[in-house]
Amino acid sequence: MATLKIKKGDTVKVIAGKDNGKEGKVLSVDAKNHKVTVEGVGIVTKHTKPSAANQNGGIIQKEAPIDISNVMYVHKGKATRVGFKVENDKKVRYAKSTGEVID
């Protein structure tokens, strides 16, 4: 399996779908299914039964996973593609628009 270019904690911009143009922080990455959960994006309404964690139950809103191909990494306020290169015998991610190393 190829390494994913988006990681938990990255700021991303949605480039397709109903939330097109929104930005948010990545809360989780599902590498197996190529999905990401982004803060404030892909909000769905979920009906829950009362449980030990939620005494009342009811209707809650939460973020649903969206496909990783529908988001772009944001570097210095602009959406950019992400690439990999080897620097000092270490594989690092870099922003293709500026060439700067991300992490």
PDB file of N, CA and C in Angstrom:
ATOM      1  N   MET A   1       0.846  -1.189   0.000  1.00  0.00           N
ATOM      2  CA  MET A   1       0.000   0.000   0.000  1.00  0.00           C
ATOM      3  C   MET A   1       0.884   1.243   0.000  1.00  0.00           C
ATOM      4  N   ALA A   2       0.539   2.199  -0.820  1.00  0.00           N
ATOM      5  CA  ALA A   2       1.310   3.432  -0.909  1.00  0.00           C
ATOM      6  C   ALA A   2       1.103   4.294   0.336  1.00  0.00           C
ATOM      7  N   THR A   3       2.101   5.104   0.643  1.00  0.00           N
ATOM      8  CA  THR A   3       2.005   6.013   1.778  1.00  0.00           C
ATOM      9  C   THR A   3       1.041   7.141   1.428  1.00  0.00           C
ATOM     10  N   LEU A   4       0.166   7.485   2.369  1.00  0.00           N
ATOM     11  CA  LEU A   4      -0.786   8.571   2.134  1.00  0.00           C
ATOM     12  C   LEU A   4      -0.099   9.906   2.354  1.00  0.00           C
ATOM     13  N   LYS A   5      -0.520  10.909   1.594  1.00  0.00           N
ATOM     14  CA  LYS A   5       0.121  12.217   1.658  1.00  0.00           C
ATOM     15  C   LYS A   5      -0.533  13.146   2.672  1.00  0.00           C
ATOM     16  N   ILE A   6      -1.667  12.729   3.217  1.00  0.00           N
ATOM     17  CA  ILE A   6      -2.379  13.508   4.233  1.00  0.00           C
ATOM     18  C   ILE A   6      -2.255  12.772   5.564  1.00  0.00           C
ATOM     19  N   LYS A   7      -1.949  13.514   6.637  1.00  0.00           N
ATOM     20  CA  LYS A   7      -1.805  12.913   7.960  1.00  0.00           C
ATOM     21  C   LYS A   7      -2.742  13.591   8.956  1.00  0.00           C
ATOM     22  N   LYS A   8      -2.963  12.925  10.079  1.00  0.00           N
ATOM     23  CA  LYS A   8      -3.766  13.485  11.160  1.00  0.00           C
ATOM     24  C   LYS A   8      -3.115  14.781  11.637  1.00  0.00           C
ATOM     25  N   GLY A   9      -3.939  15.829  11.823  1.00  0.00           N
ATOM     26  CA  GLY A   9      -3.429  17.118  12.288  1.00  0.00           C
ATOM     27  C   GLY A   9      -3.150  18.106  11.166  1.00  0.00           C
ATOM     28  N   ASP A  10      -3.099  17.643   9.912  1.00  0.00           N
ATOM     29  CA  ASP A  10      -2.882  18.545   8.776  1.00  0.00           C
ATOM     30  C   ASP A  10      -4.105  19.433   8.569  1.00  0.00           C
ATOM     31  N   THR A  11      -3.871  20.624   8.032  1.00  0.00           N
ATOM     32  CA  THR A  11      -4.977  21.477   7.613  1.00  0.00           C
ATOM     33  C   THR A  11      -5.214  21.214   6.142  1.00  0.00           C
ATOM     34  N   VAL A  12      -6.463  20.930   5.789  1.00  0.00           N
ATOM     35  CA  VAL A  12      -6.791  20.599   4.403  1.00  0.00           C
ATOM     36  C   VAL A  12      -7.965  21.439   3.919  1.00  0.00           C
ATOM     37  N   LYS A  13      -8.082  21.521   2.585  1.00  0.00           N
ATOM     38  CA  LYS A  13      -9.188  22.228   1.943  1.00  0.00           C
ATOM     39  C   LYS A  13      -9.958  21.221   1.105  1.00  0.00           C
ATOM     40  N   VAL A  14     -11.288  21.260   1.196  1.00  0.00           N
ATOM     41  CA  VAL A  14     -12.133  20.357   0.422  1.00  0.00           C
ATOM     42  C   VAL A  14     -12.235  20.908  -0.997  1.00  0.00           C
ATOM     43  N   ILE A  15     -11.962  20.055  -1.984  1.00  0.00           N
ATOM     44  CA  ILE A  15     -11.956  20.510  -3.382  1.00  0.00           C
ATOM     45  C   ILE A  15     -13.102  19.922  -4.197  1.00  0.00           C
ATOM     46  N   ALA A  16     -13.922  19.054  -3.584  1.00  0.00           N
ATOM     47  CA  ALA A  16     -15.061  18.463  -4.305  1.00  0.00           C
ATOM     48  C   ALA A  16     -16.135  18.062  -3.320  1.00  0.00           C
ATOM     49  N   GLY A  17     -17.377  18.052  -3.783  1.00  0.00           N
ATOM     50  CA  GLY A  17     -18.487  17.615  -2.953  1.00  0.00           C
ATOM     51  C   GLY A  17     -19.295  18.766  -2.394  1.00  0.00           C
ATOM     52  N   LYS A  18     -20.210  18.434  -1.485  1.00  0.00           N
ATOM     53  CA  LYS A  18     -21.136  19.445  -0.960  1.00  0.00           C
ATOM     54  C   LYS A  18     -20.442  20.492  -0.089  1.00  0.00           C
ATOM     55  N   ASP A  19     -19.287  20.155   0.477  1.00  0.00           N
ATOM     56  CA  ASP A  19     -18.554  21.093   1.333  1.00  0.00           C
ATOM     57  C   ASP A  19     -17.366  21.724   0.607  1.00  0.00           C
ATOM     58  N   ASN A  20     -17.442  21.814  -0.703  1.00  0.00           N
ATOM     59  CA  ASN A  20     -16.365  22.370  -1.521  1.00  0.00           C
ATOM     60  C   ASN A  20     -15.948  23.759  -1.032  1.00  0.00           C
ATOM     61  N   GLY A  21     -14.632  23.965  -0.824  1.00  0.00           N
ATOM     62  CA  GLY A  21     -14.110  25.253  -0.401  1.00  0.00           C
ATOM     63  C   GLY A  21     -13.864  25.374   1.086  1.00  0.00           C
ATOM     64  N   LYS A  22     -14.431  24.485   1.883  1.00  0.00           N
ATOM     65  CA  LYS A  22     -14.240  24.560   3.337  1.00  0.00           C
ATOM     66  C   LYS A  22     -12.855  24.060   3.723  1.00  0.00           C
ATOM     67  N   GLU A  23     -12.328  24.616   4.811  1.00  0.00           N
ATOM     68  CA  GLU A  23     -11.042  24.176   5.344  1.00  0.00           C
ATOM     69  C   GLU A  23     -11.238  23.642   6.748  1.00  0.00           C
ATOM     70  N   GLY A  24     -10.381  22.721   7.146  1.00  0.00           N
ATOM     71  CA  GLY A  24     -10.458  22.169   8.491  1.00  0.00           C
ATOM     72  C   GLY A  24      -9.259  21.301   8.787  1.00  0.00           C
ATOM     73  N   LYS A  25      -9.178  20.894  10.055  1.00  0.00           N
ATOM     74  CA  LYS A  25      -8.082  20.054  10.522  1.00  0.00           C
ATOM     75  C   LYS A  25      -8.486  18.585  10.410  1.00  0.00           C
ATOM     76  N   VAL A  26      -7.550  17.735   9.978  1.00  0.00           N
ATOM     77  CA  VAL A  26      -7.822  16.303   9.848  1.00  0.00           C
ATOM     78  C   VAL A  26      -7.873  15.681  11.236  1.00  0.00           C
ATOM     79  N   LEU A  27      -9.018  15.046  11.557  1.00  0.00           N
ATOM     80  CA  LEU A  27      -9.196  14.405  12.852  1.00  0.00           C
ATOM     81  C   LEU A  27      -8.728  12.955  12.826  1.00  0.00           C
ATOM     82  N   SER A  28      -8.949  12.254  11.707  1.00  0.00           N
ATOM     83  CA  SER A  28      -8.505  10.867  11.595  1.00  0.00           C
ATOM     84  C   SER A  28      -8.320  10.507  10.129  1.00  0.00           C
ATOM     85  N   VAL A  29      -7.461   9.508   9.896  1.00  0.00           N
ATOM     86  CA  VAL A  29      -7.186   9.018   8.552  1.00  0.00           C
ATOM     87  C   VAL A  29      -7.400   7.513   8.532  1.00  0.00           C
ATOM     88  N   ASP A  30      -8.208   7.037   7.587  1.00  0.00           N
ATOM     89  CA  ASP A  30      -8.429   5.608   7.399  1.00  0.00           C
ATOM     90  C   ASP A  30      -7.685   5.197   6.125  1.00  0.00           C
ATOM     91  N   ALA A  31      -6.470   4.691   6.299  1.00  0.00           N
ATOM     92  CA  ALA A  31      -5.614   4.364   5.154  1.00  0.00           C
ATOM     93  C   ALA A  31      -6.174   3.218   4.327  1.00  0.00           C
ATOM     94  N   LYS A  32      -6.823   2.268   4.974  1.00  0.00           N
ATOM     95  CA  LYS A  32      -7.338   1.092   4.265  1.00  0.00           C
ATOM     96  C   LYS A  32      -8.432   1.478   3.270  1.00  0.00           C
ATOM     97  N   ASN A  33      -9.332   2.374   3.672  1.00  0.00           N
ATOM     98  CA  ASN A  33     -10.453   2.774   2.823  1.00  0.00           C
ATOM     99  C   ASN A  33     -10.243   4.120   2.134  1.00  0.00           C
ATOM    100  N   HIS A  34      -9.070   4.733   2.305  1.00  0.00           N
ATOM    101  CA  HIS A  34      -8.735   6.034   1.713  1.00  0.00           C
ATOM    102  C   HIS A  34      -9.758   7.117   2.074  1.00  0.00           C
ATOM    103  N   LYS A  35     -10.042   7.211   3.370  1.00  0.00           N
ATOM    104  CA  LYS A  35     -11.001   8.207   3.873  1.00  0.00           C
ATOM    105  C   LYS A  35     -10.334   9.066   4.936  1.00  0.00           C
ATOM    106  N   VAL A  36     -10.782  10.319   5.047  1.00  0.00           N
ATOM    107  CA  VAL A  36     -10.336  11.209   6.117  1.00  0.00           C
ATOM    108  C   VAL A  36     -11.553  11.839   6.765  1.00  0.00           C
ATOM    109  N   THR A  37     -11.446  12.118   8.061  1.00  0.00           N
ATOM    110  CA  THR A  37     -12.479  12.845   8.779  1.00  0.00           C
ATOM    111  C   THR A  37     -11.921  14.227   9.068  1.00  0.00           C
ATOM    112  N   VAL A  38     -12.622  15.259   8.595  1.00  0.00           N
ATOM    113  CA  VAL A  38     -12.156  16.636   8.719  1.00  0.00           C
ATOM    114  C   VAL A  38     -13.104  17.402   9.634  1.00  0.00           C
ATOM    115  N   GLU A  39     -12.525  18.215  10.502  1.00  0.00           N
ATOM    116  CA  GLU A  39     -13.270  19.002  11.479  1.00  0.00           C
ATOM    117  C   GLU A  39     -14.231  19.961  10.773  1.00  0.00           C
ATOM    118  N   GLY A  40     -15.540  19.840  11.058  1.00  0.00           N
ATOM    119  CA  GLY A  40     -16.541  20.752  10.508  1.00  0.00           C
ATOM    120  C   GLY A  40     -16.936  20.476   9.071  1.00  0.00           C
ATOM    121  N   VAL A  41     -16.508  19.352   8.510  1.00  0.00           N
ATOM    122  CA  VAL A  41     -16.801  19.024   7.108  1.00  0.00           C
ATOM    123  C   VAL A  41     -17.515  17.674   7.051  1.00  0.00           C
ATOM    124  N   GLY A  42     -18.496  17.557   6.171  1.00  0.00           N
ATOM    125  CA  GLY A  42     -19.218  16.299   6.011  1.00  0.00           C
ATOM    126  C   GLY A  42     -20.098  15.994   7.206  1.00  0.00           C
ATOM    127  N   ILE A  43     -20.782  17.003   7.714  1.00  0.00           N
ATOM    128  CA  ILE A  43     -21.636  16.842   8.891  1.00  0.00           C
ATOM    129  C   ILE A  43     -22.866  16.014   8.525  1.00  0.00           C
ATOM    130  N   VAL A  44     -23.123  14.967   9.326  1.00  0.00           N
ATOM    131  CA  VAL A  44     -24.315  14.147   9.143  1.00  0.00           C
ATOM    132  C   VAL A  44     -25.124  14.153  10.435  1.00  0.00           C
ATOM    133  N   THR A  45     -26.430  13.933  10.316  1.00  0.00           N
ATOM    134  CA  THR A  45     -27.313  13.849  11.470  1.00  0.00           C
ATOM    135  C   THR A  45     -27.494  12.380  11.820  1.00  0.00           C
ATOM    136  N   LYS A  46     -27.267  12.055  13.081  1.00  0.00           N
ATOM    137  CA  LYS A  46     -27.330  10.663  13.526  1.00  0.00           C
ATOM    138  C   LYS A  46     -28.319  10.557  14.679  1.00  0.00           C
ATOM    139  N   HIS A  47     -29.221   9.595  14.586  1.00  0.00           N
ATOM    140  CA  HIS A  47     -30.188   9.343  15.647  1.00  0.00           C
ATOM    141  C   HIS A  47     -29.600   8.275  16.560  1.00  0.00           C
ATOM    142  N   THR A  48     -29.500   8.591  17.864  1.00  0.00           N
ATOM    143  CA  THR A  48     -28.873   7.651  18.799  1.00  0.00           C
ATOM    144  C   THR A  48     -29.846   7.223  19.886  1.00  0.00           C
ATOM    145  N   LYS A  49     -29.704   5.968  20.289  1.00  0.00           N
ATOM    146  CA  LYS A  49     -30.487   5.439  21.398  1.00  0.00           C
ATOM    147  C   LYS A  49     -29.829   5.862  22.705  1.00  0.00           C
ATOM    148  N   PRO A  50     -30.593   5.923  23.792  1.00  0.00           N
ATOM    149  CA  PRO A  50     -29.965   6.187  25.091  1.00  0.00           C
ATOM    150  C   PRO A  50     -28.980   5.069  25.452  1.00  0.00           C
ATOM    151  N   SER A  51     -27.829   5.465  25.984  1.00  0.00           N
ATOM    152  CA  SER A  51     -26.812   4.490  26.385  1.00  0.00           C
ATOM    153  C   SER A  51     -26.115   5.008  27.636  1.00  0.00           C
ATOM    154  N   ALA A  52     -25.132   4.275  28.107  1.00  0.00           N
ATOM    155  CA  ALA A  52     -24.388   4.704  29.293  1.00  0.00           C
ATOM    156  C   ALA A  52     -23.639   6.002  29.012  1.00  0.00           C
ATOM    157  N   ALA A  53     -23.109   6.130  27.812  1.00  0.00           N
ATOM    158  CA  ALA A  53     -22.359   7.339  27.455  1.00  0.00           C
ATOM    159  C   ALA A  53     -23.289   8.528  27.218  1.00  0.00           C
ATOM    160  N   ASN A  54     -24.413   8.286  26.581  1.00  0.00           N
ATOM    161  CA  ASN A  54     -25.368   9.341  26.259  1.00  0.00           C
ATOM    162  C   ASN A  54     -26.711   8.963  26.890  1.00  0.00           C
ATOM    163  N   GLN A  55     -27.009   9.523  28.059  1.00  0.00           N
ATOM    164  CA  GLN A  55     -28.195   9.139  28.832  1.00  0.00           C
ATOM    165  C   GLN A  55     -29.504   9.404  28.087  1.00  0.00           C
ATOM    166  N   ASN A  56     -29.595  10.530  27.396  1.00  0.00           N
ATOM    167  CA  ASN A  56     -30.851  10.916  26.761  1.00  0.00           C
ATOM    168  C   ASN A  56     -31.034  10.346  25.359  1.00  0.00           C
ATOM    169  N   GLY A  57     -29.940  10.099  24.651  1.00  0.00           N
ATOM    170  CA  GLY A  57     -30.069   9.718  23.248  1.00  0.00           C
ATOM    171  C   GLY A  57     -30.452  10.935  22.441  1.00  0.00           C
ATOM    172  N   GLY A  58     -31.140  10.732  21.326  1.00  0.00           N
ATOM    173  CA  GLY A  58     -31.620  11.858  20.526  1.00  0.00           C
ATOM    174  C   GLY A  58     -30.855  12.025  19.236  1.00  0.00           C
ATOM    175  N   ILE A  59     -30.940  13.226  18.679  1.00  0.00           N
ATOM    176  CA  ILE A  59     -30.337  13.520  17.391  1.00  0.00           C
ATOM    177  C   ILE A  59     -29.034  14.273  17.622  1.00  0.00           C
ATOM    178  N   ILE A  60     -27.931  13.732  17.079  1.00  0.00           N
ATOM    179  CA  ILE A  60     -26.635  14.410  17.192  1.00  0.00           C
ATOM    180  C   ILE A  60     -26.071  14.647  15.803  1.00  0.00           C
ATOM    181  N   GLN A  61     -25.181  15.622  15.705  1.00  0.00           N
ATOM    182  CA  GLN A  61     -24.504  15.896  14.435  1.00  0.00           C
ATOM    183  C   GLN A  61     -23.035  15.588  14.600  1.00  0.00           C
ATOM    184  N   LYS A  62     -22.466  14.875  13.627  1.00  0.00           N
ATOM    185  CA  LYS A  62     -21.056  14.517  13.704  1.00  0.00           C
ATOM    186  C   LYS A  62     -20.441  14.514  12.312  1.00  0.00           C
ATOM    187  N   GLU A  63     -19.107  14.538  12.273  1.00  0.00           N
ATOM    188  CA  GLU A  63     -18.400  14.528  10.997  1.00  0.00           C
ATOM    189  C   GLU A  63     -18.348  13.110  10.444  1.00  0.00           C
ATOM    190  N   ALA A  64     -18.642  12.978   9.162  1.00  0.00           N
ATOM    191  CA  ALA A  64     -18.541  11.686   8.482  1.00  0.00           C
ATOM    192  C   ALA A  64     -17.264  11.684   7.646  1.00  0.00           C
ATOM    193  N   PRO A  65     -16.676  10.512   7.427  1.00  0.00           N
ATOM    194  CA  PRO A  65     -15.461  10.448   6.603  1.00  0.00           C
ATOM    195  C   PRO A  65     -15.755  10.822   5.150  1.00  0.00           C
ATOM    196  N   ILE A  66     -14.797  11.501   4.509  1.00  0.00           N
ATOM    197  CA  ILE A  66     -14.897  11.817   3.084  1.00  0.00           C
ATOM    198  C   ILE A  66     -13.674  11.229   2.387  1.00  0.00           C
ATOM    199  N   ASP A  67     -13.754  11.049   1.087  1.00  0.00           N
ATOM    200  CA  ASP A  67     -12.657  10.430   0.357  1.00  0.00           C
ATOM    201  C   ASP A  67     -11.431  11.339   0.357  1.00  0.00           C
ATOM    202  N   ILE A  68     -10.263  10.715   0.488  1.00  0.00           N
ATOM    203  CA  ILE A  68      -9.015  11.474   0.596  1.00  0.00           C
ATOM    204  C   ILE A  68      -8.691  12.229  -0.695  1.00  0.00           C
ATOM    205  N   SER A  69      -9.256  11.769  -1.828  1.00  0.00           N
ATOM    206  CA  SER A  69      -9.010  12.449  -3.104  1.00  0.00           C
ATOM    207  C   SER A  69      -9.756  13.776  -3.190  1.00  0.00           C
ATOM    208  N   ASN A  70     -10.693  14.009  -2.279  1.00  0.00           N
ATOM    209  CA  ASN A  70     -11.479  15.243  -2.302  1.00  0.00           C
ATOM    210  C   ASN A  70     -10.904  16.344  -1.420  1.00  0.00           C
ATOM    211  N   VAL A  71      -9.713  16.130  -0.862  1.00  0.00           N
ATOM    212  CA  VAL A  71      -9.080  17.159  -0.033  1.00  0.00           C
ATOM    213  C   VAL A  71      -7.671  17.441  -0.532  1.00  0.00           C
ATOM    214  N   MET A  72      -7.204  18.686  -0.281  1.00  0.00           N
ATOM    215  CA  MET A  72      -5.857  19.109  -0.635  1.00  0.00           C
ATOM    216  C   MET A  72      -5.193  19.720   0.576  1.00  0.00           C
ATOM    217  N   TYR A  73      -3.914  19.455   0.748  1.00  0.00           N
ATOM    218  CA  TYR A  73      -3.146  20.001   1.852  1.00  0.00           C
ATOM    219  C   TYR A  73      -3.033  21.525   1.711  1.00  0.00           C
ATOM    220  N   VAL A  74      -3.158  22.253   2.824  1.00  0.00           N
ATOM    221  CA  VAL A  74      -3.036  23.713   2.807  1.00  0.00           C
ATOM    222  C   VAL A  74      -1.689  24.094   3.400  1.00  0.00           C
ATOM    223  N   HIS A  75      -0.871  24.796   2.601  1.00  0.00           N
ATOM    224  CA  HIS A  75       0.454  25.245   3.038  1.00  0.00           C
ATOM    225  C   HIS A  75       0.507  26.757   2.907  1.00  0.00           C
ATOM    226  N   LYS A  76       0.677  27.444   4.041  1.00  0.00           N
ATOM    227  CA  LYS A  76       0.727  28.917   4.074  1.00  0.00           C
ATOM    228  C   LYS A  76      -0.504  29.542   3.426  1.00  0.00           C
ATOM    229  N   GLY A  77      -1.679  28.986   3.739  1.00  0.00           N
ATOM    230  CA  GLY A  77      -2.937  29.558   3.275  1.00  0.00           C
ATOM    231  C   GLY A  77      -3.373  29.170   1.877  1.00  0.00           C
ATOM    232  N   LYS A  78      -2.555  28.393   1.152  1.00  0.00           N
ATOM    233  CA  LYS A  78      -2.910  27.995  -0.206  1.00  0.00           C
ATOM    234  C   LYS A  78      -2.919  26.483  -0.328  1.00  0.00           C
ATOM    235  N   ALA A  79      -3.885  25.957  -1.071  1.00  0.00           N
ATOM    236  CA  ALA A  79      -3.954  24.513  -1.305  1.00  0.00           C
ATOM    237  C   ALA A  79      -2.830  24.122  -2.256  1.00  0.00           C
ATOM    238  N   THR A  80      -2.141  23.032  -1.934  1.00  0.00           N
ATOM    239  CA  THR A  80      -1.028  22.584  -2.754  1.00  0.00           C
ATOM    240  C   THR A  80      -0.969  21.063  -2.791  1.00  0.00           C
ATOM    241  N   ARG A  81      -0.332  20.552  -3.822  1.00  0.00           N
ATOM    242  CA  ARG A  81      -0.098  19.120  -3.889  1.00  0.00           C
ATOM    243  C   ARG A  81       1.078  18.781  -2.977  1.00  0.00           C
ATOM    244  N   VAL A  82       1.145  17.515  -2.586  1.00  0.00           N
ATOM    245  CA  VAL A  82       2.189  17.064  -1.679  1.00  0.00           C
ATOM    246  C   VAL A  82       3.013  15.996  -2.379  1.00  0.00           C
ATOM    247  N   GLY A  83       4.328  16.086  -2.214  1.00  0.00           N
ATOM    248  CA  GLY A  83       5.218  15.083  -2.788  1.00  0.00           C
ATOM    249  C   GLY A  83       6.163  14.554  -1.730  1.00  0.00           C
ATOM    250  N   PHE A  84       6.926  13.547  -2.098  1.00  0.00           N
ATOM    251  CA  PHE A  84       7.928  12.981  -1.199  1.00  0.00           C
ATOM    252  C   PHE A  84       9.300  13.145  -1.825  1.00  0.00           C
ATOM    253  N   LYS A  85      10.302  13.404  -0.988  1.00  0.00           N
ATOM    254  CA  LYS A  85      11.684  13.398  -1.442  1.00  0.00           C
ATOM    255  C   LYS A  85      12.577  12.961  -0.287  1.00  0.00           C
ATOM    256  N   VAL A  86      13.779  12.544  -0.621  1.00  0.00           N
ATOM    257  CA  VAL A  86      14.715  12.078   0.397  1.00  0.00           C
ATOM    258  C   VAL A  86      15.689  13.209   0.702  1.00  0.00           C
ATOM    259  N   GLU A  87      15.762  13.569   1.972  1.00  0.00           N
ATOM    260  CA  GLU A  87      16.670  14.618   2.435  1.00  0.00           C
ATOM    261  C   GLU A  87      17.446  14.087   3.622  1.00  0.00           C
ATOM    262  N   ASN A  88      18.756  14.105   3.535  1.00  0.00           N
ATOM    263  CA  ASN A  88      19.617  13.595   4.612  1.00  0.00           C
ATOM    264  C   ASN A  88      19.247  12.161   4.996  1.00  0.00           C
ATOM    265  N   ASP A  89      19.083  11.305   4.003  1.00  0.00           N
ATOM    266  CA  ASP A  89      18.730   9.896   4.203  1.00  0.00           C
ATOM    267  C   ASP A  89      17.403   9.715   4.932  1.00  0.00           C
ATOM    268  N   LYS A  90      16.491  10.678   4.811  1.00  0.00           N
ATOM    269  CA  LYS A  90      15.178  10.584   5.445  1.00  0.00           C
ATOM    270  C   LYS A  90      14.113  11.003   4.432  1.00  0.00           C
ATOM    271  N   LYS A  91      13.047  10.224   4.352  1.00  0.00           N
ATOM    272  CA  LYS A  91      11.946  10.534   3.437  1.00  0.00           C
ATOM    273  C   LYS A  91      11.060  11.593   4.079  1.00  0.00           C
ATOM    274  N   VAL A  92      10.838  12.715   3.375  1.00  0.00           N
ATOM    275  CA  VAL A  92      10.038  13.818   3.928  1.00  0.00           C
ATOM    276  C   VAL A  92       8.970  14.235   2.920  1.00  0.00           C
ATOM    277  N   ARG A  93       7.899  14.823   3.441  1.00  0.00           N
ATOM    278  CA  ARG A  93       6.861  15.402   2.586  1.00  0.00           C
ATOM    279  C   ARG A  93       7.246  16.840   2.275  1.00  0.00           C
ATOM    280  N   TYR A  94       6.899  17.294   1.063  1.00  0.00           N
ATOM    281  CA  TYR A  94       7.140  18.693   0.722  1.00  0.00           C
ATOM    282  C   TYR A  94       5.986  19.231  -0.113  1.00  0.00           C
ATOM    283  N   ALA A  95       5.790  20.556  -0.015  1.00  0.00           N
ATOM    284  CA  ALA A  95       4.739  21.223  -0.786  1.00  0.00           C
ATOM    285  C   ALA A  95       5.253  21.457  -2.199  1.00  0.00           C
ATOM    286  N   LYS A  96       4.545  20.961  -3.180  1.00  0.00           N
ATOM    287  CA  LYS A  96       5.012  21.066  -4.567  1.00  0.00           C
ATOM    288  C   LYS A  96       4.967  22.503  -5.096  1.00  0.00           C
ATOM    289  N   SER A  97       4.081  23.337  -4.552  1.00  0.00           N
ATOM    290  CA  SER A  97       3.980  24.712  -5.045  1.00  0.00           C
ATOM    291  C   SER A  97       5.197  25.546  -4.647  1.00  0.00           C
ATOM    292  N   THR A  98       5.738  25.319  -3.437  1.00  0.00           N
ATOM    293  CA  THR A  98       6.868  26.113  -2.952  1.00  0.00           C
ATOM    294  C   THR A  98       8.159  25.321  -2.871  1.00  0.00           C
ATOM    295  N   GLY A  99       8.072  24.009  -2.805  1.00  0.00           N
ATOM    296  CA  GLY A  99       9.253  23.175  -2.645  1.00  0.00           C
ATOM    297  C   GLY A  99       9.733  23.054  -1.215  1.00  0.00           C
ATOM    298  N   GLU A 100       8.993  23.662  -0.269  1.00  0.00           N
ATOM    299  CA  GLU A 100       9.389  23.637   1.135  1.00  0.00           C
ATOM    300  C   GLU A 100       8.991  22.327   1.794  1.00  0.00           C
ATOM    301  N   VAL A 101       9.844  21.871   2.719  1.00  0.00           N
ATOM    302  CA  VAL A 101       9.577  20.644   3.460  1.00  0.00           C
ATOM    303  C   VAL A 101       8.471  20.913   4.478  1.00  0.00           C
ATOM    304  N   ILE A 102       7.492  19.995   4.549  1.00  0.00           N
ATOM    305  CA  ILE A 102       6.359  20.142   5.464  1.00  0.00           C
ATOM    306  C   ILE A 102       6.723  19.623   6.844  1.00  0.00           C
ATOM    307  N   ASP A 103       7.280  18.394   6.909  1.00  0.00           N
ATOM    308  CA  ASP A 103       7.650  17.831   8.208  1.00  0.00           C
ATOM    309  C   ASP A 103       8.883  16.958   8.101  1.00  0.00           C
TER     310      ASP A 103
END
